[in-house]
PDB file of all heavy atoms in Angstrom:
ATOM      1  N   GLY A   1     112.236  35.060  52.118  1.00  0.00           N
ATOM      2  CA  GLY A   1     112.648  35.733  50.852  1.00  0.00           C
ATOM      3  C   GLY A   1     113.196  34.811  49.911  1.00  0.00           C
ATOM      4  O   GLY A   1     112.591  33.810  49.465  1.00  0.00           O
ATOM      5  N   SER A   2     114.431  35.228  49.346  1.00  0.00           N
ATOM      6  CA  SER A   2     115.150  34.369  48.341  1.00  0.00           C
ATOM      7  C   SER A   2     115.829  33.205  48.937  1.00  0.00           C
ATOM      8  O   SER A   2     116.403  32.380  48.241  1.00  0.00           O
ATOM      9  CB  SER A   2     116.140  35.271  47.672  1.00  0.00           C
ATOM     10  OG  SER A   2     117.145  35.774  48.553  1.00  0.00           O
ATOM     11  N   ARG A   3     115.752  33.071  50.264  1.00  0.00           N
ATOM     12  CA  ARG A   3     116.514  31.969  50.970  1.00  0.00           C
ATOM     13  C   ARG A   3     118.033  32.042  50.755  1.00  0.00           C
ATOM     14  O   ARG A   3     118.733  31.128  50.771  1.00  0.00           O
ATOM     15  CB  ARG A   3     115.968  30.557  50.585  1.00  0.00           C
ATOM     16  CG  ARG A   3     114.580  30.313  51.066  1.00  0.00           C
ATOM     17  CD  ARG A   3     113.515  30.615  49.852  1.00  0.00           C
ATOM     18  NE  ARG A   3     112.189  30.557  50.422  1.00  0.00           N
ATOM     19  CZ  ARG A   3     111.218  30.084  49.710  1.00  0.00           C
ATOM     20  NH1 ARG A   3     111.327  29.635  48.485  1.00  0.00           N
ATOM     21  NH2 ARG A   3     110.011  30.121  50.164  1.00  0.00           N
ATOM     22  N   VAL A   4     118.435  33.359  50.610  1.00  0.00           N
ATOM     23  CA  VAL A   4     119.847  33.629  50.390  1.00  0.00           C
ATOM     24  C   VAL A   4     120.270  34.540  51.581  1.00  0.00           C
ATOM     25  O   VAL A   4     119.529  35.576  51.739  1.00  0.00           O
ATOM     26  CB  VAL A   4     120.115  34.217  49.035  1.00  0.00           C
ATOM     27  CG1 VAL A   4     121.528  34.782  48.985  1.00  0.00           C
ATOM     28  CG2 VAL A   4     119.909  33.126  48.002  1.00  0.00           C
ATOM     29  N   VAL A   5     121.397  34.354  52.239  1.00  0.00           N
ATOM     30  CA  VAL A   5     121.921  35.244  53.111  1.00  0.00           C
ATOM     31  C   VAL A   5     123.295  35.819  52.625  1.00  0.00           C
ATOM     32  O   VAL A   5     124.147  35.105  52.075  1.00  0.00           O
ATOM     33  CB  VAL A   5     122.271  34.577  54.524  1.00  0.00           C
ATOM     34  CG1 VAL A   5     123.128  35.384  55.412  1.00  0.00           C
ATOM     35  CG2 VAL A   5     120.958  34.188  55.224  1.00  0.00           C
ATOM     36  N   SER A   6     123.401  37.142  52.743  1.00  0.00           N
ATOM     37  CA  SER A   6     124.669  37.787  52.305  1.00  0.00           C
ATOM     38  C   SER A   6     125.696  37.558  53.376  1.00  0.00           C
ATOM     39  O   SER A   6     125.555  37.999  54.524  1.00  0.00           O
ATOM     40  CB  SER A   6     124.467  39.375  52.083  1.00  0.00           C
ATOM     41  OG  SER A   6     125.632  40.061  52.293  1.00  0.00           O
ATOM     42  N   PRO A   7     126.843  36.776  53.173  1.00  0.00           N
ATOM     43  CA  PRO A   7     127.716  36.404  54.189  1.00  0.00           C
ATOM     44  C   PRO A   7     128.481  37.562  54.812  1.00  0.00           C
ATOM     45  O   PRO A   7     128.929  37.597  55.996  1.00  0.00           O
ATOM     46  CB  PRO A   7     128.667  35.525  53.583  1.00  0.00           C
ATOM     47  CG  PRO A   7     128.555  35.788  52.039  1.00  0.00           C
ATOM     48  CD  PRO A   7     127.170  36.246  51.866  1.00  0.00           C
ATOM     49  N   SER A   8     128.722  38.606  54.033  1.00  0.00           N
ATOM     50  CA  SER A   8     129.519  39.845  54.510  1.00  0.00           C
ATOM     51  C   SER A   8     128.705  40.694  55.336  1.00  0.00           C
ATOM     52  O   SER A   8     129.214  41.369  56.252  1.00  0.00           O
ATOM     53  CB  SER A   8     130.074  40.648  53.256  1.00  0.00           C
ATOM     54  OG  SER A   8     130.821  39.846  52.447  1.00  0.00           O
ATOM     55  N   THR A   9     127.403  40.671  55.230  1.00  0.00           N
ATOM     56  CA  THR A   9     126.481  41.676  56.002  1.00  0.00           C
ATOM     57  C   THR A   9     125.521  40.929  57.008  1.00  0.00           C
ATOM     58  O   THR A   9     125.015  41.544  57.869  1.00  0.00           O
ATOM     59  CB  THR A   9     125.662  42.379  54.978  1.00  0.00           C
ATOM     60  OG1 THR A   9     124.726  41.547  54.337  1.00  0.00           O
ATOM     61  CG2 THR A   9     126.518  43.161  53.988  1.00  0.00           C
ATOM     62  N   GLY A  10     125.245  39.662  56.734  1.00  0.00           N
ATOM     63  CA  GLY A  10     124.288  38.935  57.572  1.00  0.00           C
ATOM     64  C   GLY A  10     122.818  39.178  57.264  1.00  0.00           C
ATOM     65  O   GLY A  10     122.002  38.698  57.976  1.00  0.00           O
ATOM     66  N   PHE A  11     122.578  39.951  56.203  1.00  0.00           N
ATOM     67  CA  PHE A  11     121.227  40.223  55.774  1.00  0.00           C
ATOM     68  C   PHE A  11     120.571  38.978  55.004  1.00  0.00           C
ATOM     69  O   PHE A  11     121.188  38.443  54.169  1.00  0.00           O
ATOM     70  CB  PHE A  11     121.104  41.366  54.775  1.00  0.00           C
ATOM     71  CG  PHE A  11     121.540  42.745  55.494  1.00  0.00           C
ATOM     72  CD1 PHE A  11     122.342  43.594  54.847  1.00  0.00           C
ATOM     73  CD2 PHE A  11     120.924  43.052  56.686  1.00  0.00           C
ATOM     74  CE1 PHE A  11     122.843  44.761  55.435  1.00  0.00           C
ATOM     75  CE2 PHE A  11     121.358  44.374  57.301  1.00  0.00           C
ATOM     76  CZ  PHE A  11     122.213  45.177  56.702  1.00  0.00           C
ATOM     77  N   LEU A  12     119.357  38.683  55.440  1.00  0.00           N
ATOM     78  CA  LEU A  12     118.566  37.627  54.625  1.00  0.00           C
ATOM     79  C   LEU A  12     117.794  38.480  53.553  1.00  0.00           C
ATOM     80  O   LEU A  12     117.250  39.526  53.867  1.00  0.00           O
ATOM     81  CB  LEU A  12     117.547  36.969  55.556  1.00  0.00           C
ATOM     82  CG  LEU A  12     116.556  36.048  54.865  1.00  0.00           C
ATOM     83  CD1 LEU A  12     117.229  34.872  54.326  1.00  0.00           C
ATOM     84  CD2 LEU A  12     115.505  35.623  55.828  1.00  0.00           C
ATOM     85  N   MET A  13     118.016  38.019  52.310  1.00  0.00           N
ATOM     86  CA  MET A  13     117.690  38.783  51.162  1.00  0.00           C
ATOM     87  C   MET A  13     116.215  38.574  50.668  1.00  0.00           C
ATOM     88  O   MET A  13     115.802  37.426  50.801  1.00  0.00           O
ATOM     89  CB  MET A  13     118.678  38.638  49.995  1.00  0.00           C
ATOM     90  CG  MET A  13     120.119  38.908  50.373  1.00  0.00           C
ATOM     91  SD  MET A  13     120.413  40.566  51.056  1.00  0.00           S
ATOM     92  CE  MET A  13     119.958  41.478  49.552  1.00  0.00           C
ATOM     93  N   ASN A  14     115.690  39.517  50.038  1.00  0.00           N
ATOM     94  CA  ASN A  14     114.354  39.489  49.462  1.00  0.00           C
ATOM     95  C   ASN A  14     114.329  38.568  48.247  1.00  0.00           C
ATOM     96  O   ASN A  14     115.426  38.263  47.634  1.00  0.00           O
ATOM     97  CB  ASN A  14     113.747  40.837  49.196  1.00  0.00           C
ATOM     98  CG  ASN A  14     114.544  41.506  48.005  1.00  0.00           C
ATOM     99  OD1 ASN A  14     114.355  41.193  46.845  1.00  0.00           O
ATOM    100  ND2 ASN A  14     115.418  42.454  48.349  1.00  0.00           N
ATOM    101  N   ASN A  15     113.109  38.225  47.719  1.00  0.00           N
ATOM    102  CA  ASN A  15     112.953  37.722  46.415  1.00  0.00           C
ATOM    103  C   ASN A  15     111.928  38.422  45.567  1.00  0.00           C
ATOM    104  O   ASN A  15     111.022  37.929  45.060  1.00  0.00           O
ATOM    105  CB  ASN A  15     112.598  36.159  46.449  1.00  0.00           C
ATOM    106  CG  ASN A  15     111.210  35.905  47.027  1.00  0.00           C
ATOM    107  OD1 ASN A  15     110.724  36.695  47.850  1.00  0.00           O
ATOM    108  ND2 ASN A  15     110.513  34.829  46.639  1.00  0.00           N
ATOM    109  N   GLY A  16     112.089  39.768  45.699  1.00  0.00           N
ATOM    110  CA  GLY A  16     111.203  40.704  45.005  1.00  0.00           C
ATOM    111  C   GLY A  16     110.997  40.461  43.466  1.00  0.00           C
ATOM    112  O   GLY A  16     109.894  40.859  42.981  1.00  0.00           O
ATOM    113  N   ILE A  17     111.898  39.849  42.778  1.00  0.00           N
ATOM    114  CA  ILE A  17     111.841  39.612  41.376  1.00  0.00           C
ATOM    115  C   ILE A  17     110.479  38.707  41.137  1.00  0.00           C
ATOM    116  O   ILE A  17     109.931  38.753  40.055  1.00  0.00           O
ATOM    117  CB  ILE A  17     113.077  38.910  40.800  1.00  0.00           C
ATOM    118  CG1 ILE A  17     114.189  39.904  40.898  1.00  0.00           C
ATOM    119  CG2 ILE A  17     112.782  38.502  39.328  1.00  0.00           C
ATOM    120  CD1 ILE A  17     114.017  41.238  40.319  1.00  0.00           C
ATOM    121  N   MET A  18     110.080  37.935  42.016  1.00  0.00           N
ATOM    122  CA  MET A  18     108.934  37.014  41.885  1.00  0.00           C
ATOM    123  C   MET A  18     107.681  37.836  41.754  1.00  0.00           C
ATOM    124  O   MET A  18     106.686  37.369  41.227  1.00  0.00           O
ATOM    125  CB  MET A  18     108.814  36.113  43.038  1.00  0.00           C
ATOM    126  CG  MET A  18     107.781  34.984  42.739  1.00  0.00           C
ATOM    127  SD  MET A  18     107.577  33.853  44.143  1.00  0.00           S
ATOM    128  CE  MET A  18     106.929  34.934  45.361  1.00  0.00           C
ATOM    129  N   TRP A  19     107.613  39.165  42.112  1.00  0.00           N
ATOM    130  CA  TRP A  19     106.409  39.919  41.926  1.00  0.00           C
ATOM    131  C   TRP A  19     106.101  40.153  40.482  1.00  0.00           C
ATOM    132  O   TRP A  19     105.036  40.522  40.149  1.00  0.00           O
ATOM    133  CB  TRP A  19     106.597  41.260  42.644  1.00  0.00           C
ATOM    134  CG  TRP A  19     105.829  41.367  43.939  1.00  0.00           C
ATOM    135  CD1 TRP A  19     104.647  41.048  44.181  1.00  0.00           C
ATOM    136  CD2 TRP A  19     106.355  41.923  45.201  1.00  0.00           C
ATOM    137  NE1 TRP A  19     104.183  41.263  45.496  1.00  0.00           N
ATOM    138  CE2 TRP A  19     105.291  41.833  46.090  1.00  0.00           C
ATOM    139  CE3 TRP A  19     107.570  42.465  45.573  1.00  0.00           C
ATOM    140  CZ2 TRP A  19     105.434  42.259  47.409  1.00  0.00           C
ATOM    141  CZ3 TRP A  19     107.719  42.852  46.866  1.00  0.00           C
ATOM    142  CH2 TRP A  19     106.689  42.778  47.761  1.00  0.00           C
ATOM    143  N   PHE A  20     107.095  39.963  39.595  1.00  0.00           N
ATOM    144  CA  PHE A  20     106.912  40.281  38.183  1.00  0.00           C
ATOM    145  C   PHE A  20     106.420  38.992  37.459  1.00  0.00           C
ATOM    146  O   PHE A  20     106.982  37.867  37.810  1.00  0.00           O
ATOM    147  CB  PHE A  20     108.231  40.792  37.539  1.00  0.00           C
ATOM    148  CG  PHE A  20     108.691  42.128  38.119  1.00  0.00           C
ATOM    149  CD1 PHE A  20     109.677  42.107  39.062  1.00  0.00           C
ATOM    150  CD2 PHE A  20     108.104  43.273  37.748  1.00  0.00           C
ATOM    151  CE1 PHE A  20     110.189  43.294  39.592  1.00  0.00           C
ATOM    152  CE2 PHE A  20     108.470  44.510  38.200  1.00  0.00           C
ATOM    153  CZ  PHE A  20     109.539  44.515  39.166  1.00  0.00           C
ATOM    154  N   ASP A  21     105.614  39.220  36.470  1.00  0.00           N
ATOM    155  CA  ASP A  21     105.167  38.128  35.572  1.00  0.00           C
ATOM    156  C   ASP A  21     106.307  37.809  34.568  1.00  0.00           C
ATOM    157  O   ASP A  21     106.783  38.792  33.846  1.00  0.00           O
ATOM    158  CB  ASP A  21     103.904  38.547  34.799  1.00  0.00           C
ATOM    159  CG  ASP A  21     103.289  37.399  34.049  1.00  0.00           C
ATOM    160  OD1 ASP A  21     103.959  36.395  33.658  1.00  0.00           O
ATOM    161  OD2 ASP A  21     102.070  37.528  33.753  1.00  0.00           O
ATOM    162  N   PRO A  22     106.984  36.618  34.591  1.00  0.00           N
ATOM    163  CA  PRO A  22     108.029  36.366  33.605  1.00  0.00           C
ATOM    164  C   PRO A  22     107.659  36.285  32.183  1.00  0.00           C
ATOM    165  O   PRO A  22     108.490  36.406  31.286  1.00  0.00           O
ATOM    166  CB  PRO A  22     108.565  34.969  34.030  1.00  0.00           C
ATOM    167  CG  PRO A  22     107.398  34.378  34.731  1.00  0.00           C
ATOM    168  CD  PRO A  22     106.483  35.410  35.419  1.00  0.00           C
ATOM    169  N   GLU A  23     106.301  36.269  31.762  1.00  0.00           N
ATOM    170  CA  GLU A  23     105.864  36.350  30.456  1.00  0.00           C
ATOM    171  C   GLU A  23     105.927  37.768  30.084  1.00  0.00           C
ATOM    172  O   GLU A  23     105.342  38.590  30.705  1.00  0.00           O
ATOM    173  CB  GLU A  23     104.531  35.709  30.301  1.00  0.00           C
ATOM    174  CG  GLU A  23     104.396  34.219  30.391  1.00  0.00           C
ATOM    175  CD  GLU A  23     103.073  33.723  29.973  1.00  0.00           C
ATOM    176  OE1 GLU A  23     102.891  33.501  28.849  1.00  0.00           O
ATOM    177  OE2 GLU A  23     102.179  33.616  30.875  1.00  0.00           O
ATOM    178  N   GLN A  24     106.372  38.080  28.897  1.00  0.00           N
ATOM    179  CA  GLN A  24     106.489  39.425  28.386  1.00  0.00           C
ATOM    180  C   GLN A  24     105.097  39.864  27.810  1.00  0.00           C
ATOM    181  O   GLN A  24     104.272  38.990  27.393  1.00  0.00           O
ATOM    182  CB  GLN A  24     107.514  39.617  27.377  1.00  0.00           C
ATOM    183  CG  GLN A  24     108.953  39.385  27.877  1.00  0.00           C
ATOM    184  CD  GLN A  24     109.265  40.306  29.105  1.00  0.00           C
ATOM    185  OE1 GLN A  24     109.308  41.507  28.928  1.00  0.00           O
ATOM    186  NE2 GLN A  24     109.471  39.820  30.222  1.00  0.00           N
ATOM    187  N   GLY A  25     104.885  41.191  27.753  1.00  0.00           N
ATOM    188  CA  GLY A  25     103.634  41.668  27.181  1.00  0.00           C
ATOM    189  C   GLY A  25     102.454  41.711  28.157  1.00  0.00           C
ATOM    190  O   GLY A  25     101.368  42.007  27.618  1.00  0.00           O
ATOM    191  N   LYS A  26     102.746  41.587  29.455  1.00  0.00           N
ATOM    192  CA  LYS A  26     101.760  41.722  30.455  1.00  0.00           C
ATOM    193  C   LYS A  26     101.809  43.021  31.225  1.00  0.00           C
ATOM    194  O   LYS A  26     102.822  43.694  31.128  1.00  0.00           O
ATOM    195  CB  LYS A  26     101.784  40.488  31.434  1.00  0.00           C
ATOM    196  CG  LYS A  26     101.760  39.134  30.793  1.00  0.00           C
ATOM    197  CD  LYS A  26     100.343  38.820  30.282  1.00  0.00           C
ATOM    198  CE  LYS A  26     100.304  37.407  29.726  1.00  0.00           C
ATOM    199  NZ  LYS A  26     100.356  36.468  30.838  1.00  0.00           N
ATOM    200  N   PRO A  27     100.746  43.338  31.946  1.00  0.00           N
ATOM    201  CA  PRO A  27     100.907  44.687  32.633  1.00  0.00           C
ATOM    202  C   PRO A  27     101.979  44.681  33.692  1.00  0.00           C
ATOM    203  O   PRO A  27     102.546  45.843  33.997  1.00  0.00           O
ATOM    204  CB  PRO A  27      99.506  44.710  33.384  1.00  0.00           C
ATOM    205  CG  PRO A  27      98.574  43.894  32.630  1.00  0.00           C
ATOM    206  CD  PRO A  27      99.402  42.766  32.043  1.00  0.00           C
ATOM    207  N   ASN A  28     102.416  43.611  34.246  1.00  0.00           N
ATOM    208  CA  ASN A  28     103.429  43.549  35.222  1.00  0.00           C
ATOM    209  C   ASN A  28     104.637  42.635  34.782  1.00  0.00           C
ATOM    210  O   ASN A  28     105.209  41.982  35.615  1.00  0.00           O
ATOM    211  CB  ASN A  28     102.848  42.978  36.582  1.00  0.00           C
ATOM    212  CG  ASN A  28     103.744  43.083  37.696  1.00  0.00           C
ATOM    213  OD1 ASN A  28     104.448  44.022  37.877  1.00  0.00           O
ATOM    214  ND2 ASN A  28     103.729  42.032  38.585  1.00  0.00           N
ATOM    215  N   SER A  29     104.915  42.668  33.462  1.00  0.00           N
ATOM    216  CA  SER A  29     105.961  41.835  32.989  1.00  0.00           C
ATOM    217  C   SER A  29     107.353  42.192  33.577  1.00  0.00           C
ATOM    218  O   SER A  29     107.684  43.345  33.821  1.00  0.00           O
ATOM    219  CB  SER A  29     106.102  41.806  31.442  1.00  0.00           C
ATOM    220  OG  SER A  29     104.932  41.242  30.902  1.00  0.00           O
ATOM    221  N   LEU A  30     108.231  41.119  33.750  1.00  0.00           N
ATOM    222  CA  LEU A  30     109.556  41.343  34.261  1.00  0.00           C
ATOM    223  C   LEU A  30     110.397  42.199  33.283  1.00  0.00           C
ATOM    224  O   LEU A  30     110.347  42.036  32.076  1.00  0.00           O
ATOM    225  CB  LEU A  30     110.311  39.968  34.467  1.00  0.00           C
ATOM    226  CG  LEU A  30     111.722  39.967  34.968  1.00  0.00           C
ATOM    227  CD1 LEU A  30     111.799  40.584  36.293  1.00  0.00           C
ATOM    228  CD2 LEU A  30     112.155  38.558  34.886  1.00  0.00           C
ATOM    229  N   GLY A  31     111.144  43.076  33.895  1.00  0.00           N
ATOM    230  CA  GLY A  31     112.073  43.930  33.138  1.00  0.00           C
ATOM    231  C   GLY A  31     113.030  44.647  34.036  1.00  0.00           C
ATOM    232  O   GLY A  31     112.834  44.627  35.254  1.00  0.00           O
ATOM    233  N   PRO A  32     114.045  45.226  33.514  1.00  0.00           N
ATOM    234  CA  PRO A  32     115.031  45.944  34.371  1.00  0.00           C
ATOM    235  C   PRO A  32     114.476  47.346  34.845  1.00  0.00           C
ATOM    236  O   PRO A  32     113.713  47.929  34.280  1.00  0.00           O
ATOM    237  CB  PRO A  32     116.225  46.188  33.377  1.00  0.00           C
ATOM    238  CG  PRO A  32     115.696  46.118  31.987  1.00  0.00           C
ATOM    239  CD  PRO A  32     114.527  45.234  32.109  1.00  0.00           C
ATOM    240  N   ASP A  33     114.933  47.663  36.073  1.00  0.00           N
ATOM    241  CA  ASP A  33     114.653  49.007  36.623  1.00  0.00           C
ATOM    242  C   ASP A  33     113.129  49.310  36.708  1.00  0.00           C
ATOM    243  O   ASP A  33     112.638  50.346  36.347  1.00  0.00           O
ATOM    244  CB  ASP A  33     115.296  50.021  35.903  1.00  0.00           C
ATOM    245  CG  ASP A  33     115.340  51.410  36.679  1.00  0.00           C
ATOM    246  OD1 ASP A  33     115.240  51.375  37.911  1.00  0.00           O
ATOM    247  OD2 ASP A  33     115.505  52.437  36.011  1.00  0.00           O
ATOM    248  N   LYS A  34     112.307  48.327  37.215  1.00  0.00           N
ATOM    249  CA  LYS A  34     110.846  48.532  37.328  1.00  0.00           C
ATOM    250  C   LYS A  34     110.469  48.358  38.775  1.00  0.00           C
ATOM    251  O   LYS A  34     111.070  47.603  39.554  1.00  0.00           O
ATOM    252  CB  LYS A  34     110.137  47.440  36.538  1.00  0.00           C
ATOM    253  CG  LYS A  34     110.262  47.605  34.961  1.00  0.00           C
ATOM    254  CD  LYS A  34     109.467  46.628  34.234  1.00  0.00           C
ATOM    255  CE  LYS A  34     107.961  46.729  34.386  1.00  0.00           C
ATOM    256  NZ  LYS A  34     107.299  45.781  33.527  1.00  0.00           N
ATOM    257  N   ALA A  35     109.381  49.115  39.090  1.00  0.00           N
ATOM    258  CA  ALA A  35     108.823  49.018  40.464  1.00  0.00           C
ATOM    259  C   ALA A  35     108.013  47.703  40.667  1.00  0.00           C
ATOM    260  O   ALA A  35     107.322  47.284  39.675  1.00  0.00           O
ATOM    261  CB  ALA A  35     107.963  50.259  40.839  1.00  0.00           C
ATOM    262  N   CYS A  36     108.117  47.073  41.791  1.00  0.00           N
ATOM    263  CA  CYS A  36     107.428  45.884  42.106  1.00  0.00           C
ATOM    264  C   CYS A  36     105.996  46.223  42.449  1.00  0.00           C
ATOM    265  O   CYS A  36     105.680  47.220  43.210  1.00  0.00           O
ATOM    266  CB  CYS A  36     107.983  45.068  43.190  1.00  0.00           C
ATOM    267  SG  CYS A  36     109.746  44.498  42.846  1.00  0.00           S
ATOM    268  N   LEU A  37     104.993  45.449  42.059  1.00  0.00           N
ATOM    269  CA  LEU A  37     103.632  45.568  42.449  1.00  0.00           C
ATOM    270  C   LEU A  37     103.378  44.888  43.800  1.00  0.00           C
ATOM    271  O   LEU A  37     103.675  43.638  43.956  1.00  0.00           O
ATOM    272  CB  LEU A  37     102.717  44.952  41.386  1.00  0.00           C
ATOM    273  CG  LEU A  37     101.242  44.801  41.770  1.00  0.00           C
ATOM    274  CD1 LEU A  37     100.601  46.241  42.029  1.00  0.00           C
ATOM    275  CD2 LEU A  37     100.469  44.033  40.713  1.00  0.00           C
ATOM    276  N   MET A  38     103.059  45.566  44.859  1.00  0.00           N
ATOM    277  CA  MET A  38     102.947  45.000  46.185  1.00  0.00           C
ATOM    278  C   MET A  38     101.590  44.768  46.609  1.00  0.00           C
ATOM    279  O   MET A  38     100.593  45.474  46.156  1.00  0.00           O
ATOM    280  CB  MET A  38     103.637  45.888  47.138  1.00  0.00           C
ATOM    281  CG  MET A  38     105.113  46.087  46.989  1.00  0.00           C
ATOM    282  SD  MET A  38     105.851  47.119  48.337  1.00  0.00           S
ATOM    283  CE  MET A  38     105.143  48.698  48.093  1.00  0.00           C
ATOM    284  N   ASN A  39     101.319  43.839  47.556  1.00  0.00           N
ATOM    285  CA  ASN A  39     100.034  43.629  48.190  1.00  0.00           C
ATOM    286  C   ASN A  39      99.825  44.384  49.465  1.00  0.00           C
ATOM    287  O   ASN A  39      98.802  44.170  50.110  1.00  0.00           O
ATOM    288  CB  ASN A  39      99.839  42.081  48.518  1.00  0.00           C
ATOM    289  CG  ASN A  39      99.865  41.322  47.162  1.00  0.00           C
ATOM    290  OD1 ASN A  39      99.205  41.654  46.235  1.00  0.00           O
ATOM    291  ND2 ASN A  39     100.615  40.222  47.195  1.00  0.00           N
ATOM    292  N   VAL A  40     100.776  45.181  49.902  1.00  0.00           N
ATOM    293  CA  VAL A  40     100.680  45.836  51.268  1.00  0.00           C
ATOM    294  C   VAL A  40      99.581  46.830  51.159  1.00  0.00           C
ATOM    295  O   VAL A  40      99.280  47.396  50.244  1.00  0.00           O
ATOM    296  CB  VAL A  40     102.055  46.502  51.549  1.00  0.00           C
ATOM    297  CG1 VAL A  40     103.133  45.521  51.607  1.00  0.00           C
ATOM    298  CG2 VAL A  40     102.407  47.582  50.553  1.00  0.00           C
ATOM    299  N   CYS A  41      98.897  46.950  52.421  1.00  0.00           N
ATOM    300  CA  CYS A  41      97.773  47.892  52.558  1.00  0.00           C
ATOM    301  C   CYS A  41      97.661  48.629  53.890  1.00  0.00           C
ATOM    302  O   CYS A  41      96.716  48.443  54.595  1.00  0.00           O
ATOM    303  CB  CYS A  41      96.527  47.046  52.305  1.00  0.00           C
ATOM    304  SG  CYS A  41      94.979  48.037  52.008  1.00  0.00           S
ATOM    305  N   PRO A  42      98.710  49.439  54.138  1.00  0.00           N
ATOM    306  CA  PRO A  42      98.573  50.199  55.441  1.00  0.00           C
ATOM    307  C   PRO A  42      97.478  51.297  55.235  1.00  0.00           C
ATOM    308  O   PRO A  42      97.426  51.975  54.237  1.00  0.00           O
ATOM    309  CB  PRO A  42      99.974  50.814  55.594  1.00  0.00           C
ATOM    310  CG  PRO A  42     100.502  50.812  54.155  1.00  0.00           C
ATOM    311  CD  PRO A  42      99.934  49.646  53.454  1.00  0.00           C
TER     312      PRO A  42
END
């Protein structure tokens, strides 16, 4: 994930922000309170 561990909880944290395109004006551009586009396929 983000290679960050929460010391109080022991959780290894995700890096879900990387799912967003940092360039604005794209279909999946980074912004607040947005759903991440996933590659999962159950």
